[in-house]
Amino acid sequence: MHTIKLVKLAAVFLAVTLPVIGFADIDCDVCPRESQMVNPGAEEAEATRREFEKLINTYGERLTNQDVEGILELYSSDPVFMPEYAPPAVGRAGVRRAYEWVFATVKLNGRFAVHEAEIMGDRAWVRISSTGRFTVVATGVEADVANTELFVFKRENGAWKIHRYIFTASAPPPEIMTK
């Protein structure tokens, strides 16, 4: 009886917290190895990919360091964060509260892998995948996590900012499942 309740509680907790975790270490046989850029021109495409990889890696570092202020610096003036199984966090105050809750609940560790990006004027989208580990603050329980993610960027004052961010849980790559 207690085991069933604990399993149900763990399932509910993971369903709520897993979606707000976005990290990656993609080196698996089922994952695309090359970023695909929709923009014409190989040099321009490579420069664009590197620019967004840098931004997303900075975001990942700030998640790992639980740096709410640093994360907010990466967001646009009117952001929306849309985690799976949770209502959207709208506006800077809403996004701040969402990350404060995440960091009070879990510790994150991992990296992102950029798969494709497209710039359309002052907007861009970037599709990534992520894997990593998280630790539940209250219990110390650790688990693997994997997500498929979409960032929509907006250029503000000449700099790319996260404008919309959404993700969904996905199956972890095979090497994580065999650890």
N, C-alpha and C. Protein backbone atom coordinates (compact mmCIF):
# COMPACT_ATOMS: atom_id res chain seq x y z
N MET A 1 0.83 -1.19 0.00
CA MET A 1 0.00 0.00 0.00
C MET A 1 0.87 1.26 0.00
N HIS A 2 1.86 1.33 0.92
CA HIS A 2 2.73 2.50 0.97
C HIS A 2 3.61 2.57 -0.27
N THR A 3 4.02 1.43 -0.79
CA THR A 3 4.84 1.40 -1.99
C THR A 3 4.06 1.98 -3.17
N ILE A 4 2.80 1.61 -3.30
CA ILE A 4 1.97 2.12 -4.39
C ILE A 4 1.81 3.62 -4.27
N LYS A 5 1.55 4.12 -3.07
CA LYS A 5 1.42 5.57 -2.88
C LYS A 5 2.72 6.29 -3.22
N LEU A 6 3.86 5.73 -2.82
CA LEU A 6 5.15 6.33 -3.11
C LEU A 6 5.41 6.35 -4.61
N VAL A 7 5.09 5.26 -5.29
CA VAL A 7 5.28 5.21 -6.74
C VAL A 7 4.39 6.23 -7.42
N LYS A 8 3.12 6.34 -6.99
CA LYS A 8 2.22 7.34 -7.57
C LYS A 8 2.73 8.75 -7.30
N LEU A 9 3.19 9.01 -6.09
CA LEU A 9 3.72 10.32 -5.75
C LEU A 9 4.94 10.64 -6.61
N ALA A 10 5.83 9.67 -6.76
CA ALA A 10 7.02 9.88 -7.59
C ALA A 10 6.62 10.16 -9.03
N ALA A 11 5.65 9.42 -9.55
CA ALA A 11 5.21 9.63 -10.94
C ALA A 11 4.63 11.03 -11.12
N VAL A 12 3.81 11.47 -10.17
CA VAL A 12 3.24 12.81 -10.27
C VAL A 12 4.34 13.87 -10.18
N PHE A 13 5.28 13.69 -9.24
CA PHE A 13 6.36 14.65 -9.10
C PHE A 13 7.18 14.75 -10.38
N LEU A 14 7.53 13.60 -10.95
CA LEU A 14 8.32 13.60 -12.18
C LEU A 14 7.55 14.20 -13.34
N ALA A 15 6.24 13.94 -13.41
CA ALA A 15 5.44 14.51 -14.49
C ALA A 15 5.42 16.03 -14.41
N VAL A 16 5.49 16.55 -13.19
CA VAL A 16 5.47 18.01 -13.01
C VAL A 16 6.85 18.61 -13.20
N THR A 17 7.90 17.93 -12.72
CA THR A 17 9.22 18.55 -12.75
C THR A 17 10.04 18.22 -13.98
N LEU A 18 9.91 17.04 -14.54
CA LEU A 18 10.73 16.70 -15.71
C LEU A 18 10.59 17.69 -16.84
N PRO A 19 9.38 18.17 -17.13
CA PRO A 19 9.24 19.07 -18.26
C PRO A 19 9.94 20.41 -18.08
N VAL A 20 10.25 20.80 -16.86
CA VAL A 20 10.89 22.10 -16.69
C VAL A 20 12.39 22.00 -16.68
N ILE A 21 12.90 20.85 -17.10
CA ILE A 21 14.33 20.61 -17.10
C ILE A 21 14.79 20.47 -18.54
N GLY A 22 15.73 21.26 -18.98
CA GLY A 22 16.19 21.15 -20.35
C GLY A 22 17.69 21.10 -20.44
N PHE A 23 18.24 19.94 -20.76
CA PHE A 23 19.68 19.76 -20.84
C PHE A 23 20.02 18.75 -21.90
N ALA A 24 21.30 18.70 -22.32
CA ALA A 24 21.62 17.67 -23.31
C ALA A 24 23.07 17.27 -23.32
N ASP A 25 23.30 16.04 -23.66
CA ASP A 25 24.60 15.48 -24.00
C ASP A 25 24.30 14.47 -25.08
N ILE A 26 24.16 14.93 -26.31
CA ILE A 26 23.70 14.08 -27.38
C ILE A 26 24.89 13.51 -28.13
N ASP A 27 25.14 12.25 -27.98
CA ASP A 27 26.13 11.49 -28.72
C ASP A 27 25.58 10.09 -28.86
N CYS A 28 24.45 9.96 -29.52
CA CYS A 28 23.83 8.66 -29.61
C CYS A 28 23.59 8.28 -31.06
N ASP A 29 23.35 6.99 -31.28
CA ASP A 29 23.14 6.50 -32.63
C ASP A 29 21.83 6.96 -33.23
N VAL A 30 20.83 7.27 -32.40
CA VAL A 30 19.52 7.65 -32.94
C VAL A 30 19.35 9.15 -33.10
N CYS A 31 20.33 9.94 -32.67
CA CYS A 31 20.22 11.39 -32.73
C CYS A 31 20.91 11.93 -33.97
N PRO A 32 20.35 12.98 -34.59
CA PRO A 32 21.02 13.57 -35.75
C PRO A 32 22.39 14.11 -35.35
N ARG A 33 23.41 13.86 -36.16
CA ARG A 33 24.77 14.29 -35.85
C ARG A 33 25.06 15.69 -36.37
N GLU A 34 24.38 16.11 -37.41
CA GLU A 34 24.68 17.38 -38.04
C GLU A 34 23.53 18.36 -37.81
N SER A 35 23.87 19.58 -37.49
CA SER A 35 22.85 20.63 -37.44
C SER A 35 22.43 20.94 -38.87
N GLN A 36 21.16 21.14 -39.05
CA GLN A 36 20.64 21.47 -40.37
C GLN A 36 20.18 22.92 -40.33
N MET A 37 20.77 23.74 -41.13
CA MET A 37 20.41 25.15 -41.16
C MET A 37 19.57 25.39 -42.40
N VAL A 38 18.46 26.08 -42.23
CA VAL A 38 17.57 26.33 -43.34
C VAL A 38 18.05 27.52 -44.16
N ASN A 39 18.86 28.38 -43.56
CA ASN A 39 19.36 29.56 -44.27
C ASN A 39 20.30 29.16 -45.39
N PRO A 40 20.26 29.87 -46.53
CA PRO A 40 21.18 29.56 -47.62
C PRO A 40 22.60 30.00 -47.27
N GLY A 41 23.59 29.38 -47.92
CA GLY A 41 24.99 29.77 -47.72
C GLY A 41 25.62 29.03 -46.57
N ALA A 42 26.60 28.20 -46.85
CA ALA A 42 27.21 27.36 -45.83
C ALA A 42 27.89 28.17 -44.73
N GLU A 43 28.62 29.23 -45.11
CA GLU A 43 29.30 30.04 -44.09
C GLU A 43 28.30 30.76 -43.19
N GLU A 44 27.27 31.32 -43.80
CA GLU A 44 26.24 32.02 -43.01
C GLU A 44 25.52 31.03 -42.09
N ALA A 45 25.22 29.85 -42.61
CA ALA A 45 24.53 28.83 -41.81
C ALA A 45 25.39 28.40 -40.62
N GLU A 46 26.67 28.19 -40.85
CA GLU A 46 27.57 27.78 -39.77
C GLU A 46 27.70 28.88 -38.72
N ALA A 47 27.80 30.11 -39.15
CA ALA A 47 27.89 31.23 -38.21
C ALA A 47 26.61 31.34 -37.38
N THR A 48 25.47 31.15 -38.03
CA THR A 48 24.19 31.21 -37.32
C THR A 48 24.10 30.08 -36.30
N ARG A 49 24.48 28.87 -36.70
CA ARG A 49 24.44 27.73 -35.79
C ARG A 49 25.32 27.98 -34.57
N ARG A 50 26.54 28.48 -34.81
CA ARG A 50 27.47 28.76 -33.69
C ARG A 50 26.90 29.83 -32.76
N GLU A 51 26.28 30.87 -33.34
CA GLU A 51 25.71 31.94 -32.52
C GLU A 51 24.62 31.40 -31.59
N PHE A 52 23.72 30.58 -32.14
CA PHE A 52 22.65 30.04 -31.30
C PHE A 52 23.15 28.97 -30.35
N GLU A 53 24.14 28.18 -30.75
CA GLU A 53 24.74 27.21 -29.83
C GLU A 53 25.33 27.93 -28.62
N LYS A 54 26.01 29.04 -28.87
CA LYS A 54 26.60 29.81 -27.78
C LYS A 54 25.51 30.31 -26.82
N LEU A 55 24.44 30.87 -27.37
CA LEU A 55 23.34 31.37 -26.54
C LEU A 55 22.72 30.24 -25.72
N ILE A 56 22.47 29.12 -26.36
CA ILE A 56 21.81 28.01 -25.67
C ILE A 56 22.75 27.38 -24.65
N ASN A 57 24.03 27.29 -24.95
CA ASN A 57 24.99 26.79 -23.96
C ASN A 57 25.09 27.72 -22.76
N THR A 58 25.02 29.02 -23.00
CA THR A 58 25.01 29.98 -21.90
C THR A 58 23.77 29.76 -21.03
N TYR A 59 22.63 29.55 -21.68
CA TYR A 59 21.39 29.25 -20.96
C TYR A 59 21.58 27.99 -20.10
N GLY A 60 22.16 26.95 -20.68
CA GLY A 60 22.39 25.71 -19.94
C GLY A 60 23.30 25.90 -18.74
N GLU A 61 24.36 26.67 -18.91
CA GLU A 61 25.27 26.96 -17.79
C GLU A 61 24.54 27.68 -16.67
N ARG A 62 23.70 28.62 -17.04
CA ARG A 62 22.97 29.38 -16.02
C ARG A 62 21.92 28.52 -15.33
N LEU A 63 21.34 27.55 -16.05
CA LEU A 63 20.43 26.59 -15.40
C LEU A 63 21.20 25.77 -14.37
N THR A 64 22.34 25.25 -14.77
CA THR A 64 23.16 24.44 -13.86
C THR A 64 23.57 25.24 -12.63
N ASN A 65 23.89 26.51 -12.82
CA ASN A 65 24.31 27.38 -11.71
C ASN A 65 23.14 28.01 -10.96
N GLN A 66 21.92 27.68 -11.36
CA GLN A 66 20.70 28.21 -10.74
C GLN A 66 20.71 29.74 -10.69
N ASP A 67 21.10 30.34 -11.79
CA ASP A 67 21.27 31.78 -11.92
C ASP A 67 20.02 32.43 -12.54
N VAL A 68 19.04 32.74 -11.71
CA VAL A 68 17.78 33.31 -12.20
C VAL A 68 18.03 34.62 -12.93
N GLU A 69 18.81 35.51 -12.35
CA GLU A 69 19.07 36.81 -12.99
C GLU A 69 19.76 36.63 -14.33
N GLY A 70 20.74 35.74 -14.38
CA GLY A 70 21.44 35.48 -15.63
C GLY A 70 20.52 34.91 -16.70
N ILE A 71 19.62 34.03 -16.31
CA ILE A 71 18.65 33.48 -17.26
C ILE A 71 17.74 34.58 -17.76
N LEU A 72 17.26 35.42 -16.88
CA LEU A 72 16.36 36.51 -17.30
C LEU A 72 17.04 37.46 -18.27
N GLU A 73 18.37 37.64 -18.15
CA GLU A 73 19.11 38.47 -19.11
C GLU A 73 19.01 37.92 -20.53
N LEU A 74 18.81 36.61 -20.65
CA LEU A 74 18.73 35.97 -21.96
C LEU A 74 17.34 36.06 -22.59
N TYR A 75 16.35 36.40 -21.79
CA TYR A 75 14.97 36.47 -22.27
C TYR A 75 14.63 37.86 -22.81
N SER A 76 13.65 37.90 -23.71
CA SER A 76 13.17 39.15 -24.29
C SER A 76 12.40 39.96 -23.25
N SER A 77 11.96 41.13 -23.65
CA SER A 77 11.22 42.01 -22.74
C SER A 77 9.81 41.48 -22.46
N ASP A 78 9.30 40.60 -23.32
CA ASP A 78 7.94 40.05 -23.12
C ASP A 78 7.93 38.53 -23.38
N PRO A 79 8.63 37.77 -22.52
CA PRO A 79 8.82 36.34 -22.78
C PRO A 79 7.63 35.47 -22.37
N VAL A 80 7.63 34.26 -22.92
CA VAL A 80 6.71 33.21 -22.48
C VAL A 80 7.51 31.91 -22.40
N PHE A 81 7.41 31.26 -21.25
CA PHE A 81 8.06 29.98 -20.99
C PHE A 81 6.94 28.96 -20.84
N MET A 82 6.95 27.91 -21.69
CA MET A 82 5.84 26.96 -21.73
C MET A 82 6.30 25.55 -21.39
N PRO A 83 6.45 25.24 -20.10
CA PRO A 83 6.87 23.89 -19.72
C PRO A 83 5.72 22.89 -19.86
N GLU A 84 6.07 21.67 -20.18
CA GLU A 84 5.09 20.60 -20.28
C GLU A 84 4.42 20.38 -18.93
N TYR A 85 3.14 20.10 -18.94
CA TYR A 85 2.34 19.81 -17.75
C TYR A 85 2.24 20.97 -16.77
N ALA A 86 2.43 22.18 -17.24
CA ALA A 86 2.32 23.35 -16.38
C ALA A 86 1.78 24.50 -17.19
N PRO A 87 1.12 25.45 -16.54
CA PRO A 87 0.64 26.61 -17.29
C PRO A 87 1.82 27.45 -17.78
N PRO A 88 1.64 28.17 -18.87
CA PRO A 88 2.72 29.03 -19.37
C PRO A 88 3.08 30.11 -18.34
N ALA A 89 4.36 30.42 -18.27
CA ALA A 89 4.83 31.55 -17.48
C ALA A 89 4.92 32.73 -18.45
N VAL A 90 4.09 33.74 -18.24
CA VAL A 90 3.98 34.86 -19.19
C VAL A 90 4.56 36.12 -18.56
N GLY A 91 5.40 36.82 -19.31
CA GLY A 91 6.00 38.06 -18.83
C GLY A 91 7.22 37.77 -17.98
N ARG A 92 8.01 38.81 -17.75
CA ARG A 92 9.27 38.63 -17.02
C ARG A 92 9.03 38.17 -15.58
N ALA A 93 8.00 38.72 -14.91
CA ALA A 93 7.73 38.31 -13.53
C ALA A 93 7.30 36.84 -13.48
N GLY A 94 6.48 36.42 -14.43
CA GLY A 94 6.04 35.03 -14.47
C GLY A 94 7.19 34.08 -14.75
N VAL A 95 8.06 34.45 -15.68
CA VAL A 95 9.21 33.62 -16.01
C VAL A 95 10.15 33.54 -14.80
N ARG A 96 10.35 34.66 -14.12
CA ARG A 96 11.19 34.67 -12.90
C ARG A 96 10.63 33.68 -11.86
N ARG A 97 9.32 33.75 -11.60
CA ARG A 97 8.72 32.85 -10.61
C ARG A 97 8.87 31.38 -11.03
N ALA A 98 8.73 31.11 -12.32
CA ALA A 98 8.86 29.74 -12.80
C ALA A 98 10.26 29.19 -12.53
N TYR A 99 11.29 29.98 -12.84
CA TYR A 99 12.66 29.50 -12.60
C TYR A 99 12.98 29.44 -11.12
N GLU A 100 12.47 30.35 -10.33
CA GLU A 100 12.68 30.28 -8.88
C GLU A 100 12.09 28.99 -8.33
N TRP A 101 10.90 28.61 -8.82
CA TRP A 101 10.28 27.36 -8.39
C TRP A 101 11.11 26.17 -8.84
N VAL A 102 11.57 26.18 -10.09
CA VAL A 102 12.39 25.08 -10.60
C VAL A 102 13.61 24.89 -9.70
N PHE A 103 14.32 25.97 -9.40
CA PHE A 103 15.55 25.87 -8.63
C PHE A 103 15.31 25.50 -7.16
N ALA A 104 14.14 25.81 -6.65
CA ALA A 104 13.80 25.39 -5.29
C ALA A 104 13.44 23.91 -5.26
N THR A 105 13.12 23.35 -6.42
CA THR A 105 12.64 21.98 -6.51
C THR A 105 13.70 20.99 -6.97
N VAL A 106 14.49 21.37 -7.97
CA VAL A 106 15.47 20.45 -8.56
C VAL A 106 16.79 21.14 -8.84
N LYS A 107 17.86 20.34 -8.87
CA LYS A 107 19.16 20.79 -9.35
C LYS A 107 19.39 20.10 -10.68
N LEU A 108 19.91 20.83 -11.64
CA LEU A 108 20.02 20.36 -13.02
C LEU A 108 21.47 20.25 -13.46
N ASN A 109 21.74 19.29 -14.34
CA ASN A 109 23.09 19.14 -14.88
C ASN A 109 22.99 18.50 -16.26
N GLY A 110 23.50 19.17 -17.28
CA GLY A 110 23.47 18.60 -18.62
C GLY A 110 23.83 19.63 -19.68
N ARG A 111 23.58 19.27 -20.93
CA ARG A 111 23.88 20.15 -22.06
C ARG A 111 22.82 20.02 -23.14
N PHE A 112 22.83 20.96 -24.08
CA PHE A 112 21.91 20.98 -25.21
C PHE A 112 22.63 20.59 -26.49
N ALA A 113 21.88 20.12 -27.47
CA ALA A 113 22.40 19.86 -28.81
C ALA A 113 21.48 20.56 -29.82
N VAL A 114 22.03 21.48 -30.60
CA VAL A 114 21.27 22.21 -31.61
C VAL A 114 21.16 21.34 -32.86
N HIS A 115 19.95 21.20 -33.38
CA HIS A 115 19.72 20.39 -34.58
C HIS A 115 19.42 21.24 -35.81
N GLU A 116 18.68 22.32 -35.64
CA GLU A 116 18.41 23.18 -36.78
C GLU A 116 17.96 24.55 -36.27
N ALA A 117 18.10 25.54 -37.15
CA ALA A 117 17.71 26.91 -36.83
C ALA A 117 17.33 27.63 -38.11
N GLU A 118 16.48 28.62 -37.94
CA GLU A 118 16.12 29.45 -39.08
C GLU A 118 15.88 30.88 -38.59
N ILE A 119 16.47 31.82 -39.31
CA ILE A 119 16.26 33.24 -39.01
C ILE A 119 15.28 33.80 -40.02
N MET A 120 14.30 34.55 -39.50
CA MET A 120 13.30 35.20 -40.34
C MET A 120 13.19 36.66 -39.88
N GLY A 121 14.04 37.50 -40.43
CA GLY A 121 14.06 38.90 -39.99
C GLY A 121 14.57 39.02 -38.57
N ASP A 122 13.76 39.63 -37.71
CA ASP A 122 14.13 39.80 -36.30
C ASP A 122 13.61 38.69 -35.40
N ARG A 123 13.23 37.57 -36.00
CA ARG A 123 12.80 36.39 -35.26
C ARG A 123 13.62 35.19 -35.77
N ALA A 124 13.77 34.21 -34.90
CA ALA A 124 14.46 32.98 -35.28
C ALA A 124 13.91 31.86 -34.41
N TRP A 125 13.97 30.66 -34.94
CA TRP A 125 13.63 29.50 -34.12
C TRP A 125 14.79 28.52 -34.16
N VAL A 126 14.94 27.79 -33.05
CA VAL A 126 16.02 26.82 -32.92
C VAL A 126 15.43 25.56 -32.29
N ARG A 127 15.61 24.41 -32.97
CA ARG A 127 15.15 23.13 -32.44
C ARG A 127 16.35 22.41 -31.85
N ILE A 128 16.17 21.95 -30.62
CA ILE A 128 17.26 21.26 -29.93
C ILE A 128 16.73 19.99 -29.28
N SER A 129 17.65 19.18 -28.80
CA SER A 129 17.31 18.07 -27.92
C SER A 129 18.21 18.19 -26.70
N SER A 130 17.79 17.54 -25.64
CA SER A 130 18.57 17.66 -24.42
C SER A 130 18.48 16.38 -23.61
N THR A 131 19.54 16.10 -22.89
CA THR A 131 19.55 15.03 -21.89
C THR A 131 20.41 15.49 -20.74
N GLY A 132 20.24 14.86 -19.63
CA GLY A 132 21.05 15.19 -18.47
C GLY A 132 20.53 14.49 -17.25
N ARG A 133 20.91 15.00 -16.10
CA ARG A 133 20.46 14.45 -14.82
C ARG A 133 19.92 15.58 -13.97
N PHE A 134 18.99 15.21 -13.12
CA PHE A 134 18.48 16.17 -12.15
C PHE A 134 18.43 15.51 -10.78
N THR A 135 18.48 16.34 -9.76
CA THR A 135 18.38 15.89 -8.38
C THR A 135 17.21 16.61 -7.73
N VAL A 136 16.32 15.87 -7.12
CA VAL A 136 15.20 16.45 -6.40
C VAL A 136 15.75 17.03 -5.09
N VAL A 137 15.57 18.32 -4.87
CA VAL A 137 16.12 19.00 -3.71
C VAL A 137 15.61 18.39 -2.41
N ALA A 138 14.33 18.14 -2.31
CA ALA A 138 13.73 17.68 -1.06
C ALA A 138 14.19 16.28 -0.66
N THR A 139 14.50 15.42 -1.64
CA THR A 139 14.79 14.02 -1.31
C THR A 139 16.19 13.57 -1.67
N GLY A 140 16.86 14.29 -2.57
CA GLY A 140 18.17 13.87 -3.04
C GLY A 140 18.10 12.82 -4.13
N VAL A 141 16.90 12.42 -4.54
CA VAL A 141 16.73 11.42 -5.60
C VAL A 141 17.24 12.00 -6.91
N GLU A 142 18.02 11.17 -7.65
CA GLU A 142 18.55 11.58 -8.95
C GLU A 142 17.90 10.76 -10.05
N ALA A 143 17.78 11.37 -11.23
CA ALA A 143 17.23 10.66 -12.38
C ALA A 143 17.73 11.30 -13.67
N ASP A 144 17.66 10.52 -14.75
CA ASP A 144 17.99 11.01 -16.08
C ASP A 144 16.77 11.72 -16.66
N VAL A 145 17.03 12.62 -17.58
CA VAL A 145 15.96 13.34 -18.24
C VAL A 145 16.36 13.59 -19.69
N ALA A 146 15.36 13.63 -20.57
CA ALA A 146 15.59 13.97 -21.98
C ALA A 146 14.41 14.79 -22.46
N ASN A 147 14.68 15.78 -23.29
CA ASN A 147 13.62 16.65 -23.82
C ASN A 147 13.87 16.97 -25.29
N THR A 148 12.79 17.30 -25.97
CA THR A 148 12.83 17.92 -27.28
C THR A 148 12.36 19.35 -27.04
N GLU A 149 13.07 20.34 -27.59
CA GLU A 149 12.81 21.72 -27.22
C GLU A 149 12.79 22.64 -28.43
N LEU A 150 12.03 23.71 -28.29
CA LEU A 150 11.96 24.73 -29.34
C LEU A 150 12.10 26.10 -28.69
N PHE A 151 13.11 26.83 -29.13
CA PHE A 151 13.32 28.21 -28.71
C PHE A 151 12.89 29.11 -29.87
N VAL A 152 12.15 30.15 -29.56
CA VAL A 152 11.89 31.22 -30.53
C VAL A 152 12.63 32.44 -29.99
N PHE A 153 13.53 32.97 -30.81
CA PHE A 153 14.32 34.13 -30.42
C PHE A 153 13.78 35.38 -31.09
N LYS A 154 13.99 36.51 -30.43
CA LYS A 154 13.60 37.82 -30.95
C LYS A 154 14.82 38.73 -30.82
N ARG A 155 15.12 39.48 -31.88
CA ARG A 155 16.25 40.40 -31.82
C ARG A 155 15.76 41.70 -31.17
N GLU A 156 16.40 42.04 -30.04
CA GLU A 156 16.09 43.29 -29.33
C GLU A 156 17.38 44.06 -29.14
N ASN A 157 17.39 45.30 -29.57
CA ASN A 157 18.58 46.16 -29.46
C ASN A 157 19.82 45.46 -30.03
N GLY A 158 19.63 44.76 -31.14
CA GLY A 158 20.74 44.11 -31.83
C GLY A 158 21.18 42.77 -31.27
N ALA A 159 20.54 42.29 -30.20
CA ALA A 159 20.94 41.02 -29.58
C ALA A 159 19.77 40.02 -29.63
N TRP A 160 20.10 38.74 -29.85
CA TRP A 160 19.08 37.70 -29.83
C TRP A 160 18.69 37.39 -28.39
N LYS A 161 17.38 37.36 -28.14
CA LYS A 161 16.84 37.06 -26.82
C LYS A 161 15.83 35.92 -26.94
N ILE A 162 15.73 35.10 -25.90
CA ILE A 162 14.71 34.04 -25.88
C ILE A 162 13.36 34.73 -25.75
N HIS A 163 12.51 34.48 -26.71
CA HIS A 163 11.19 35.12 -26.73
C HIS A 163 10.09 34.13 -26.31
N ARG A 164 10.19 32.91 -26.82
CA ARG A 164 9.27 31.83 -26.45
C ARG A 164 10.11 30.57 -26.30
N TYR A 165 9.77 29.77 -25.31
CA TYR A 165 10.51 28.54 -25.07
C TYR A 165 9.52 27.47 -24.64
N ILE A 166 9.53 26.35 -25.35
CA ILE A 166 8.63 25.24 -25.06
C ILE A 166 9.41 23.93 -25.17
N PHE A 167 9.05 22.96 -24.33
CA PHE A 167 9.69 21.66 -24.43
C PHE A 167 8.76 20.57 -23.98
N THR A 168 9.12 19.37 -24.39
CA THR A 168 8.37 18.18 -24.02
C THR A 168 9.36 17.06 -23.73
N ALA A 169 9.00 16.21 -22.79
CA ALA A 169 9.86 15.09 -22.44
C ALA A 169 9.95 14.13 -23.63
N SER A 170 11.10 13.50 -23.77
CA SER A 170 11.29 12.50 -24.81
C SER A 170 12.07 11.34 -24.21
N ALA A 171 12.13 10.25 -24.92
CA ALA A 171 12.87 9.10 -24.43
C ALA A 171 14.36 9.44 -24.42
N PRO A 172 15.06 9.06 -23.36
CA PRO A 172 16.50 9.32 -23.33
C PRO A 172 17.22 8.48 -24.38
N PRO A 173 18.35 8.97 -24.87
CA PRO A 173 19.14 8.19 -25.81
C PRO A 173 19.55 6.86 -25.19
N PRO A 174 19.84 5.85 -26.00
CA PRO A 174 20.15 4.51 -25.48
C PRO A 174 21.27 4.47 -24.44
N GLU A 175 22.32 5.28 -24.59
CA GLU A 175 23.45 5.18 -23.64
C GLU A 175 23.04 5.61 -22.24
N ILE A 176 22.05 6.47 -22.10
CA ILE A 176 21.60 6.87 -20.76
C ILE A 176 20.79 5.74 -20.14
N MET A 177 20.01 5.06 -20.94
CA MET A 177 19.15 4.00 -20.41
C MET A 177 19.95 2.79 -19.94
N THR A 178 21.16 2.62 -20.41
CA THR A 178 21.96 1.46 -20.02
C THR A 178 22.94 1.75 -18.91
N LYS A 179 22.97 2.94 -18.37
CA LYS A 179 23.88 3.28 -17.27
C LYS A 179 23.53 2.53 -16.02
